[in-house]
Protein backbone atom coordinates (compact mmCIF):
# COMPACT_ATOMS: atom_id res chain seq x y z
CA MET A 1 -0.04 0.02 0.02
CA LYS A 2 1.38 3.43 -0.94
CA LYS A 3 0.83 6.74 0.80
CA TYR A 4 1.64 9.73 -1.34
CA ILE A 5 2.42 12.93 0.56
CA LEU A 6 1.86 15.94 -1.66
CA SER A 7 2.37 19.65 -0.80
CA LEU A 8 1.05 22.49 -2.92
CA ALA A 9 3.20 25.02 -1.16
CA ILE A 10 6.46 23.73 -2.12
CA PRO A 11 6.20 24.49 -5.91
CA VAL A 12 5.14 28.13 -5.00
CA LEU A 13 8.02 28.55 -2.71
CA ALA A 14 10.44 27.19 -5.30
CA LEU A 15 9.24 29.79 -7.77
CA MET A 16 9.62 32.57 -5.17
CA MET A 17 13.14 31.47 -3.97
CA GLY A 18 14.42 30.28 -7.36
CA GLY A 19 15.20 26.84 -6.20
CA CYS A 20 14.78 24.05 -3.54
CA SER A 21 15.59 24.54 0.09
CA LYS A 22 18.05 22.07 1.60
CA ASP A 23 15.46 21.40 4.15
CA THR A 24 13.48 19.51 1.62
CA GLU A 25 16.30 17.61 0.04
CA ASP A 26 15.92 14.43 2.12
CA THR A 27 12.15 14.40 2.23
CA THR A 28 10.56 10.95 1.62
CA TRP A 29 7.72 11.23 -0.86
CA VAL A 30 6.43 7.78 -0.83
CA THR A 31 6.21 5.35 2.12
CA TYR A 32 4.97 1.79 2.09
CA TYR A 33 2.79 0.39 4.91
CA PRO A 34 3.95 -3.05 6.40
CA GLN A 35 1.19 -5.60 6.47
CA MET A 36 1.51 -8.06 9.37
CA THR A 37 -0.36 -11.31 9.57
CA MET A 38 -0.22 -13.54 12.60
CA LYS A 39 -0.03 -17.20 12.16
CA GLY A 40 -1.62 -19.65 14.52
CA ASP A 41 -3.85 -18.69 17.39
CA THR A 42 -3.99 -15.42 19.35
CA TYR A 43 -4.46 -17.31 22.53
CA MET A 44 -2.34 -20.56 23.18
CA ASN A 45 -1.79 -23.05 25.94
CA TRP A 46 1.76 -24.60 26.26
CA GLU A 47 3.23 -27.22 28.60
CA ALA A 48 6.04 -26.05 30.70
CA GLY A 49 9.58 -27.37 29.86
CA LYS A 50 8.91 -27.89 26.29
CA ALA A 51 10.71 -25.48 23.94
CA PHE A 52 8.03 -23.23 22.56
CA GLN A 53 7.18 -23.57 18.85
CA ASP A 54 6.20 -20.13 17.81
CA PRO A 55 3.72 -20.00 14.80
CA GLY A 56 5.10 -16.61 14.16
CA VAL A 57 3.92 -13.95 11.77
CA THR A 58 4.57 -12.84 8.18
CA ILE A 59 5.20 -9.31 7.21
CA VAL A 60 4.97 -7.91 3.56
CA MET A 61 5.84 -4.49 2.54
CA ASN A 62 5.63 -3.18 -1.06
CA ASN A 63 5.03 -6.83 -2.17
CA GLU A 64 8.20 -7.89 -0.47
CA ASP A 65 8.51 -10.38 2.39
CA VAL A 66 10.27 -8.56 5.28
CA THR A 67 9.57 -11.07 8.00
CA ASP A 68 13.11 -11.59 8.85
CA GLN A 69 13.28 -7.89 10.09
CA MET A 70 10.65 -8.62 12.71
CA VAL A 71 11.55 -7.99 16.33
CA LEU A 72 10.04 -10.33 19.11
CA SER A 73 9.56 -9.03 22.62
CA THR A 74 8.72 -11.43 25.38
CA GLN A 75 9.46 -12.29 28.96
CA MET A 76 8.96 -16.03 28.38
CA ASN A 77 11.92 -18.34 28.07
CA LEU A 78 11.31 -19.78 24.76
CA SER A 79 13.60 -22.71 25.13
CA ASP A 80 12.41 -23.64 28.54
CA PRO A 81 9.13 -21.98 29.34
CA GLN A 82 7.91 -21.89 32.94
CA PRO A 83 4.32 -21.87 34.27
CA GLY A 84 2.66 -18.54 33.92
CA PHE A 85 0.90 -16.12 31.54
CA TYR A 86 3.01 -14.39 28.83
CA THR A 87 2.70 -12.01 25.89
CA LEU A 88 4.66 -12.26 22.61
CA THR A 89 4.70 -9.03 20.73
CA TYR A 90 5.88 -9.01 17.15
CA GLY A 91 7.14 -5.61 15.91
CA PHE A 92 8.30 -4.03 12.62
CA THR A 93 9.14 -0.40 11.77
CA ASN A 94 9.47 0.62 8.21
CA PRO A 95 12.33 3.27 7.19
CA ASP A 96 9.85 6.11 7.75
CA GLY A 97 8.99 5.08 11.26
CA ILE A 98 5.51 3.49 10.37
CA VAL A 99 4.98 0.65 12.95
CA ALA A 100 3.23 -2.56 12.70
CA ASN A 101 2.77 -5.04 15.63
CA SER A 102 0.72 -7.98 16.90
CA THR A 103 0.38 -9.73 20.21
CA ARG A 104 -0.07 -13.43 21.01
CA TYR A 105 -1.01 -14.51 24.53
CA VAL A 106 0.37 -17.74 25.91
CA ALA A 107 -0.39 -19.71 28.98
CA VAL A 108 2.24 -22.04 30.20
CA TYR A 109 1.02 -24.79 32.42
CA SER A 110 2.57 -27.56 34.37
CA ALA A 111 2.20 -31.11 33.07
CA ASP A 112 1.30 -32.05 36.58
CA ASP A 113 -1.50 -29.57 36.64
CA PRO A 114 -3.39 -29.51 33.34
CA ILE A 115 -6.26 -27.37 34.60
CA ALA A 116 -4.37 -24.11 34.46
CA GLY A 117 -4.39 -22.22 31.15
CA TYR A 118 -6.49 -20.22 28.79
CA TYR A 119 -10.23 -21.04 28.45
CA ALA A 120 -13.06 -19.78 26.24
CA THR A 121 -16.49 -19.07 27.51
CA ASP A 122 -18.69 -21.89 26.05
CA ASP A 123 -21.91 -21.18 24.24
CA GLN A 124 -23.93 -22.92 27.11
CA SER A 125 -23.16 -19.95 29.20
CA ASN A 126 -26.08 -17.79 30.03
CA ARG A 127 -27.13 -14.85 32.23
CA ASN A 128 -30.54 -15.46 33.87
CA GLY A 129 -31.29 -17.95 31.09
CA SER A 130 -30.32 -15.74 28.17
CA ALA A 131 -27.22 -17.02 26.22
CA PHE A 132 -24.14 -14.87 26.12
CA VAL A 133 -23.91 -13.24 22.66
CA GLY A 134 -20.59 -14.41 21.02
CA SER A 135 -19.47 -16.00 24.32
CA GLN A 136 -17.28 -18.57 22.55
CA PHE A 137 -14.80 -15.71 22.03
CA PHE A 138 -14.28 -14.68 25.48
CA PRO A 139 -10.82 -15.70 26.75
CA ILE A 140 -10.75 -16.52 30.41
CA GLN A 141 -7.50 -17.02 32.49
CA VAL A 142 -7.31 -19.82 34.90
CA GLN A 143 -4.02 -19.70 36.94
CA ALA A 144 -2.78 -22.18 39.52
CA THR A 145 -2.15 -20.72 42.94
CA SER A 146 -1.46 -22.13 46.53
CA ASN A 147 -5.09 -21.66 47.20
CA GLY A 148 -6.71 -23.03 44.24
CA TYR A 149 -7.19 -21.54 40.71
CA ALA A 150 -7.34 -17.85 40.18
CA VAL A 151 -10.00 -17.02 37.58
CA ASN A 152 -9.83 -13.47 36.06
CA ASP A 153 -13.54 -13.27 35.59
CA LEU A 154 -16.28 -15.33 37.37
CA LEU A 155 -18.74 -13.72 35.18
CA GLY A 156 -17.39 -15.38 32.06
CA GLY A 157 -16.41 -12.09 30.39
CA TYR A 158 -20.08 -11.06 30.09
CA TYR A 159 -19.49 -7.41 30.99
CA ALA A 160 -15.79 -6.97 30.33
CA LEU A 161 -15.66 -8.47 26.90
CA GLY A 162 -19.19 -9.24 25.82
CA ARG A 163 -20.49 -5.66 26.59
CA GLY A 164 -17.08 -4.16 25.92
CA TYR A 165 -16.81 -2.41 29.25
CA GLY A 166 -13.27 -3.46 29.89
CA SER A 167 -11.28 -5.35 32.52
CA ASN A 168 -12.56 -3.23 35.33
CA TYR A 169 -15.79 -4.92 34.90
CA ALA A 170 -14.47 -8.40 35.40
CA LEU A 171 -15.07 -10.31 38.81
CA PRO A 172 -11.91 -12.12 39.92
CA GLY A 173 -12.10 -15.12 42.08
CA VAL A 174 -10.33 -18.22 43.32
CA LEU A 175 -11.92 -21.64 42.72
CA SER A 176 -11.04 -25.07 44.02
CA VAL A 177 -11.32 -28.39 42.14
CA ASP A 178 -11.29 -31.54 44.33
CA GLY A 179 -10.51 -35.08 43.27
CA ASN A 180 -14.13 -35.73 42.17
CA GLY A 181 -14.05 -32.61 39.94
CA THR A 182 -16.28 -30.61 42.19
CA VAL A 183 -15.79 -26.83 41.90
CA ASN A 184 -16.27 -24.47 44.84
CA LEU A 185 -15.55 -20.92 45.37
CA GLU A 186 -12.68 -20.05 47.80
CA SER A 187 -12.63 -16.19 47.58
CA TRP A 188 -13.49 -13.40 45.30
CA SER A 189 -12.35 -9.84 44.72
CA PRO A 190 -14.59 -6.85 44.14
CA CYS A 191 -15.33 -5.74 40.50
CA LEU A 192 -13.60 -2.34 40.26
CA GLY A 193 -16.16 -0.92 37.99
CA TRP A 194 -18.94 -1.63 40.37
CA PRO A 195 -17.09 -2.13 43.77
CA ASP A 196 -20.52 -2.28 45.68
CA ASN A 197 -21.47 -5.34 43.97
CA GLY A 198 -19.94 -8.70 44.78
CA VAL A 199 -20.71 -12.46 44.81
CA GLU A 200 -24.24 -13.04 46.31
CA SER A 201 -24.33 -16.86 45.92
CA PHE A 202 -22.39 -19.61 44.36
CA GLU A 203 -23.55 -23.04 43.39
CA PRO A 204 -20.91 -25.79 43.43
CA GLY A 205 -19.76 -26.54 39.89
CA SER A 206 -17.83 -29.22 38.10
CA TYR A 207 -14.73 -29.93 36.10
CA ASP A 208 -14.89 -32.46 33.32
CA ALA A 209 -11.37 -33.72 32.60
CA THR A 210 -12.52 -35.27 29.32
CA THR A 211 -13.76 -32.07 27.75
CA LYS A 212 -11.61 -29.92 29.87
CA THR A 213 -14.68 -27.85 30.78
CA LEU A 214 -15.09 -25.84 34.08
CA HIS A 215 -18.67 -25.01 35.04
CA TRP A 216 -20.10 -22.86 37.95
CA VAL A 217 -23.15 -20.62 38.78
CA VAL A 218 -22.39 -17.36 40.53
CA GLY A 219 -25.18 -14.88 41.65
CA TYR A 220 -24.08 -11.30 41.05
CA ALA A 221 -26.22 -8.05 41.20
CA GLY A 222 -29.45 -10.10 41.71
CA THR A 223 -28.70 -12.18 38.69
CA PRO A 224 -27.43 -15.76 38.19
CA PHE A 225 -24.41 -16.24 35.80
CA ASP A 226 -24.25 -19.86 34.62
CA VAL A 227 -20.71 -20.07 33.30
CA TYR A 228 -19.05 -22.76 31.20
CA VAL A 229 -15.45 -22.38 30.03
CA THR A 230 -13.50 -24.89 27.92
CA LYS A 231 -9.81 -24.96 27.70
CA LEU A 232 -8.39 -23.82 24.34
C-alpha cells in the first residue's frame, strides 16, 4: 500500500526562492505500509519445559517479504518456558517510522496440573437464562495458585468483553477443584467498575477432565450467571 504525501506550497516557494531549500532535499515522498499477519492462534496453551514452537507472523511491505526484520519481545523463556501467562509481541518499523505490531497470549501450564491455562466461554453460558452473545470468543485465564485456581472473571467475560466495558468490569475469584471434579468458590475480589456489587451466591460446579470444561453458577447483582469455560 502506498501513501503519497503531496504539498502544494513547495512549488510556489520554489518559484519565489528560485530553487529548492536544503530542508526538503531528504524528504521521503512515498512510504509503504507494512502488512503483518499473525500465524496460528492469538491465545495458546503450552506445557512447561517444552521448547515453545512459535507459529510466528508474516510481514509484507511493497510486495516484499520482510518477515526476517521482525523484532520479538517477550519475557517468556522460549527454550524452557515456565508456568505463567505471557505475551509475545511482534514488531516491525519501516524506514519512515511506520510501525506494525501484533500480540500473542500464551499460558504455560505444568504437566502435573493440566487445569491451568486459557479457556474460552462456552456457548452454554447464560445470564439469567439468556445466552451470552458471541461468548465462545471470550478468553478466560485460569491460573494455579497455592489456594486453588485464580479466575480472572467469574462472570465469564459477560461485561468486560461481551459488553465491551473493559477489564474493570470483570469479577476475579479463586476456585478449588477436588478429586471428584467438584468446583467451589474459595474467595473473590470486588469488581472495580462496580465495587459495591459482589458475589451473592455460588452453586458448586464441576470440572470435566475429558472435555476440559469448568462450570459454575455465580449470583451477581441479583442475577445468576451460569458459566461454562472450555480449555483452548
